[in-house]
Protein backbone atom coordinates (compact mmCIF):
# COMPACT_ATOMS: atom_id res chain seq x y z
CA UNK A 1 4.94 -6.35 1.13
CA UNK A 2 2.30 -3.78 1.94
CA UNK A 3 3.09 -1.10 4.51
CA UNK A 4 0.31 0.59 6.48
CA UNK A 5 1.19 3.89 8.17
CA UNK A 6 -1.13 5.47 10.72
CA UNK A 7 -0.80 9.21 11.36
CA UNK A 8 -2.37 10.36 14.59
CA UNK A 9 -2.22 12.93 17.41
CA UNK A 10 -2.54 12.40 21.14
CA UNK A 11 -5.45 14.85 21.53
CA UNK A 12 -7.47 13.36 18.65
CA UNK A 13 -10.68 11.61 19.77
CA UNK A 14 -11.20 9.61 16.54
CA UNK A 15 -7.56 8.49 16.76
CA UNK A 16 -8.17 7.19 20.29
CA UNK A 17 -11.37 5.43 19.22
CA UNK A 18 -9.56 3.65 16.37
CA UNK A 19 -6.49 2.61 18.38
CA UNK A 20 -7.93 -0.79 19.49
CA UNK A 21 -9.00 -1.70 15.94
CA UNK A 22 -5.61 -0.76 14.48
CA UNK A 23 -3.80 -2.72 17.21
CA UNK A 24 -5.97 -5.79 16.61
CA UNK A 25 -5.57 -5.65 12.82
CA UNK A 26 -1.83 -5.14 13.21
CA UNK A 27 -1.66 -8.42 15.16
CA UNK A 28 -4.04 -10.21 12.79
CA UNK A 29 -2.08 -9.30 9.64
CA UNK A 30 1.47 -9.01 11.01
CA UNK A 31 2.85 -11.51 8.50
CA UNK A 32 1.20 -9.85 5.51
CA UNK A 33 1.95 -6.18 6.10
CA UNK A 34 4.27 -3.87 7.98
CA UNK A 35 2.51 -1.46 10.34
CA UNK A 36 3.83 1.88 11.60
CA UNK A 37 2.42 4.73 13.67
CA UNK A 38 3.56 8.33 13.27
CA UNK A 39 2.48 10.68 16.03
CA UNK A 40 3.61 14.02 14.71
CA UNK A 41 2.62 16.60 12.15
CA UNK A 42 3.84 15.54 8.73
CA UNK A 43 3.82 17.44 5.46
CA UNK A 44 0.93 16.32 3.29
CA UNK A 45 -1.14 14.99 6.21
CA UNK A 46 -3.83 17.49 7.15
CA UNK A 47 -6.43 15.22 8.76
CA UNK A 48 -5.94 12.69 11.54
CA UNK A 49 -6.34 9.86 11.72
CA UNK A 50 -4.95 9.16 8.27
CA UNK A 51 -3.91 5.70 7.09
CA UNK A 52 -1.58 5.30 4.12
CA UNK A 53 -1.09 2.08 2.19
CA UNK A 54 2.34 1.86 0.56
CA UNK A 55 3.42 -0.84 -1.91
CA UNK A 56 6.88 -0.87 -3.48
CA UNK A 57 7.61 2.56 -2.01
CA UNK A 58 4.55 4.21 -3.58
CA UNK A 59 1.39 5.39 -1.91
CA UNK A 60 -1.46 3.29 -3.31
CA UNK A 61 -4.25 4.28 -0.93
CA UNK A 62 -5.30 6.74 1.73
CA UNK A 63 -8.07 6.54 4.33
CA UNK A 64 -8.80 9.67 6.35
CA UNK A 65 -10.95 10.31 9.38
CA UNK A 66 -12.78 7.87 11.60
CA UNK A 67 -13.55 4.46 10.08
CA UNK A 68 -15.28 1.39 11.47
CA UNK A 69 -13.30 -1.77 12.20
CA UNK A 70 -14.66 -3.41 9.03
CA UNK A 71 -13.84 -0.41 6.83
CA UNK A 72 -10.28 -0.25 8.22
CA UNK A 73 -9.83 -3.98 7.72
CA UNK A 74 -11.07 -3.73 4.11
CA UNK A 75 -8.68 -0.86 3.47
CA UNK A 76 -5.73 -2.85 4.84
CA UNK A 77 -6.49 -6.12 3.06
CA UNK A 78 -7.29 -4.45 -0.27
CA UNK A 79 -3.57 -4.05 -0.93
CA UNK A 80 -2.49 -7.64 -0.28
CA UNK A 81 -1.32 -9.45 -3.41
């Protein structure tokens, strides 16, 4: 199953703008992917928001910065088998 990880910070305006879209897509695709949010600095993540797609324990995709609802949804669904 695909795992989507969102890295964000509290004081990040783009992160706040994308929160409703991520929450909606999390509900919409809850049976097809696992969704997690990480709200701290993490090695290898230099830009927030950053979304990682992980399949079988390997990173298969990365989306950084602000993205529209449609772009985020395409990124998430791209990894479904």
